[in-house]
Amino acid sequence: MRFEEIGESDGERLADWIPKYTWPYHARSRVDSAWVRSRIAAGNFFGINARSFWAMAPGDTRDHDRAALAIVAVNAFALATIAEGRGRFRPRGFSDAT
C-alpha cells in the first residue's frame, strides 16, 4: 500500500469517488457530491488544520478509482482517521489513532 496526499486539485475526484460507496461505519452511510464539496470548502480534507491521503493499492496506478482503497484524514494534526476502506479493507471500518 502507498499513500498519496490529497490536495485542492483532488476536489472533483473526491466529490466523484466518495458518493460511489456506502459508509456503514459513519453517521451518514450515503453522501452526495454536494455534501462532499461542502466538506471540502470547510477544510475537512486539506488546509491549515487537515491533511488527507489516498491509501492506494500497490501495482498498476493508471486507473485511480480502482487503485484507491481508502481515505486517511489527519485533522488538526492530532487525530488520524481512516475514513473508510473498500474491498478487503472494508470490514475493518472506522478507526482512530492518537
C-alpha atoms as a PDB file:
ATOM      1  CA  MET A   1       0.000   0.000   0.000  1.00  0.00           C
ATOM      2  CA  ARG A   2       1.158   3.514  -0.701  1.00  0.00           C
ATOM      3  CA  PHE A   3      -0.207   6.910   0.242  1.00  0.00           C
ATOM      4  CA  GLU A   4      -0.769   9.995  -1.927  1.00  0.00           C
ATOM      5  CA  GLU A   5      -1.557  13.334  -0.340  1.00  0.00           C
ATOM      6  CA  ILE A   6      -4.926  14.822  -1.248  1.00  0.00           C
ATOM      7  CA  GLY A   7      -4.839  18.474  -2.279  1.00  0.00           C
ATOM      8  CA  GLU A   8      -7.017  21.110  -3.894  1.00  0.00           C
ATOM      9  CA  SER A   9      -6.608  19.504  -7.308  1.00  0.00           C
ATOM     10  CA  ASP A  10      -8.310  16.367  -5.935  1.00  0.00           C
ATOM     11  CA  GLY A  11     -11.580  18.133  -5.066  1.00  0.00           C
ATOM     12  CA  GLU A  12     -13.601  16.839  -8.004  1.00  0.00           C
ATOM     13  CA  ARG A  13     -12.081  13.391  -7.673  1.00  0.00           C
ATOM     14  CA  LEU A  14     -13.208  13.298  -4.021  1.00  0.00           C
ATOM     15  CA  ALA A  15     -16.664  14.615  -4.954  1.00  0.00           C
ATOM     16  CA  ASP A  16     -16.957  11.816  -7.517  1.00  0.00           C
ATOM     17  CA  TRP A  17     -15.309   8.942  -5.578  1.00  0.00           C
ATOM     18  CA  ILE A  18     -16.858   9.231  -2.107  1.00  0.00           C
ATOM     19  CA  PRO A  19     -20.547   9.092  -3.227  1.00  0.00           C
ATOM     20  CA  LYS A  20     -19.878   5.868  -5.181  1.00  0.00           C
ATOM     21  CA  TYR A  21     -19.699   3.889  -1.948  1.00  0.00           C
ATOM     22  CA  THR A  22     -21.702   3.359   1.214  1.00  0.00           C
ATOM     23  CA  TRP A  23     -20.062   4.218   4.528  1.00  0.00           C
ATOM     24  CA  PRO A  24     -21.659   1.909   7.118  1.00  0.00           C
ATOM     25  CA  TYR A  25     -19.371   2.957   9.974  1.00  0.00           C
ATOM     26  CA  HIS A  26     -20.219   6.657   9.727  1.00  0.00           C
ATOM     27  CA  ALA A  27     -23.178   8.750  10.875  1.00  0.00           C
ATOM     28  CA  ARG A  28     -24.160   9.195   7.198  1.00  0.00           C
ATOM     29  CA  SER A  29     -23.845   5.968   5.267  1.00  0.00           C
ATOM     30  CA  ARG A  30     -24.557   7.693   1.928  1.00  0.00           C
ATOM     31  CA  VAL A  31     -23.490  11.145   0.814  1.00  0.00           C
ATOM     32  CA  ASP A  32     -23.740  13.029  -2.455  1.00  0.00           C
ATOM     33  CA  SER A  33     -21.264  15.192  -4.336  1.00  0.00           C
ATOM     34  CA  ALA A  34     -22.735  18.399  -2.894  1.00  0.00           C
ATOM     35  CA  TRP A  35     -22.110  17.132   0.642  1.00  0.00           C
ATOM     36  CA  VAL A  36     -18.503  16.275  -0.218  1.00  0.00           C
ATOM     37  CA  ARG A  37     -17.961  19.691  -1.826  1.00  0.00           C
ATOM     38  CA  SER A  38     -19.304  21.402   1.319  1.00  0.00           C
ATOM     39  CA  ARG A  39     -16.806  19.445   3.430  1.00  0.00           C
ATOM     40  CA  ILE A  40     -14.015  20.386   1.027  1.00  0.00           C
ATOM     41  CA  ALA A  41     -14.999  24.064   1.301  1.00  0.00           C
ATOM     42  CA  ALA A  42     -14.993  23.765   5.101  1.00  0.00           C
ATOM     43  CA  GLY A  43     -11.404  22.475   5.041  1.00  0.00           C
ATOM     44  CA  ASN A  44     -12.159  18.942   6.200  1.00  0.00           C
ATOM     45  CA  PHE A  45      -9.813  17.225   3.733  1.00  0.00           C
ATOM     46  CA  PHE A  46      -6.944  19.673   3.323  1.00  0.00           C
ATOM     47  CA  GLY A  47      -5.985  23.067   4.617  1.00  0.00           C
ATOM     48  CA  ILE A  48      -4.483  24.641   7.691  1.00  0.00           C
ATOM     49  CA  ASN A  49      -5.975  22.083  10.122  1.00  0.00           C
ATOM     50  CA  ALA A  50      -6.325  18.982   7.969  1.00  0.00           C
ATOM     51  CA  ARG A  51      -4.359  16.740   5.671  1.00  0.00           C
ATOM     52  CA  SER A  52      -5.724  13.700   3.882  1.00  0.00           C
ATOM     53  CA  PHE A  53      -4.223  10.907   1.859  1.00  0.00           C
ATOM     54  CA  TRP A  54      -5.436   8.355  -0.643  1.00  0.00           C
ATOM     55  CA  ALA A  55      -4.479   4.851   0.512  1.00  0.00           C
ATOM     56  CA  MET A  56      -3.578   3.242  -2.789  1.00  0.00           C
ATOM     57  CA  ALA A  57      -3.247  -0.397  -3.817  1.00  0.00           C
ATOM     58  CA  PRO A  58       0.241  -1.363  -4.917  1.00  0.00           C
ATOM     59  CA  GLY A  59       0.908  -2.036  -8.561  1.00  0.00           C
ATOM     60  CA  ASP A  60      -0.770  -0.533 -11.597  1.00  0.00           C
ATOM     61  CA  THR A  61      -1.821   3.044 -10.891  1.00  0.00           C
ATOM     62  CA  ARG A  62      -3.267   4.049 -14.260  1.00  0.00           C
ATOM     63  CA  ASP A  63      -6.856   3.730 -13.003  1.00  0.00           C
ATOM     64  CA  HIS A  64      -7.070   5.886  -9.872  1.00  0.00           C
ATOM     65  CA  ASP A  65     -10.603   4.748  -8.956  1.00  0.00           C
ATOM     66  CA  ARG A  66      -9.560   1.091  -8.959  1.00  0.00           C
ATOM     67  CA  ALA A  67      -6.327   1.739  -7.062  1.00  0.00           C
ATOM     68  CA  ALA A  68      -7.851   3.954  -4.343  1.00  0.00           C
ATOM     69  CA  LEU A  69      -8.699   1.803  -1.323  1.00  0.00           C
ATOM     70  CA  ALA A  70      -9.438   4.366   1.377  1.00  0.00           C
ATOM     71  CA  ILE A  71      -9.028   7.935   2.527  1.00  0.00           C
ATOM     72  CA  VAL A  72      -6.903   8.642   5.576  1.00  0.00           C
ATOM     73  CA  ALA A  73      -7.581  12.038   7.177  1.00  0.00           C
ATOM     74  CA  VAL A  74      -5.481  13.830   9.786  1.00  0.00           C
ATOM     75  CA  ASN A  75      -7.428  16.658  11.413  1.00  0.00           C
ATOM     76  CA  ALA A  76      -5.722  19.389  13.428  1.00  0.00           C
ATOM     77  CA  PHE A  77      -2.654  17.136  13.364  1.00  0.00           C
ATOM     78  CA  ALA A  78      -3.899  15.426  16.499  1.00  0.00           C
ATOM     79  CA  LEU A  79      -6.232  12.693  15.313  1.00  0.00           C
ATOM     80  CA  ALA A  80      -5.687  10.328  12.403  1.00  0.00           C
ATOM     81  CA  THR A  81      -8.794   8.712  10.956  1.00  0.00           C
ATOM     82  CA  ILE A  82      -9.162   6.022   8.372  1.00  0.00           C
ATOM     83  CA  ALA A  83     -12.251   7.447   6.718  1.00  0.00           C
ATOM     84  CA  GLU A  84     -13.259   4.175   5.138  1.00  0.00           C
ATOM     85  CA  GLY A  85     -11.893   1.357   3.118  1.00  0.00           C
ATOM     86  CA  ARG A  86     -13.298  -0.678   0.304  1.00  0.00           C
ATOM     87  CA  GLY A  87     -12.850  -4.247  -0.804  1.00  0.00           C
ATOM     88  CA  ARG A  88     -10.849  -6.330   1.658  1.00  0.00           C
ATOM     89  CA  PHE A  89     -10.169  -3.212   3.740  1.00  0.00           C
ATOM     90  CA  ARG A  90     -13.885  -2.501   4.354  1.00  0.00           C
ATOM     91  CA  PRO A  91     -14.542  -4.909   7.278  1.00  0.00           C
ATOM     92  CA  ARG A  92     -12.087  -3.038   9.452  1.00  0.00           C
ATOM     93  CA  GLY A  93     -14.262   0.069   9.279  1.00  0.00           C
ATOM     94  CA  PHE A  94     -13.599   3.285  11.108  1.00  0.00           C
ATOM     95  CA  SER A  95     -10.619   3.658  13.430  1.00  0.00           C
ATOM     96  CA  ASP A  96      -8.774   6.400  15.222  1.00  0.00           C
ATOM     97  CA  ALA A  97      -5.126   6.619  16.155  1.00  0.00           C
ATOM     98  CA  THR A  98      -3.958   9.246  18.603  1.00  0.00           C
END
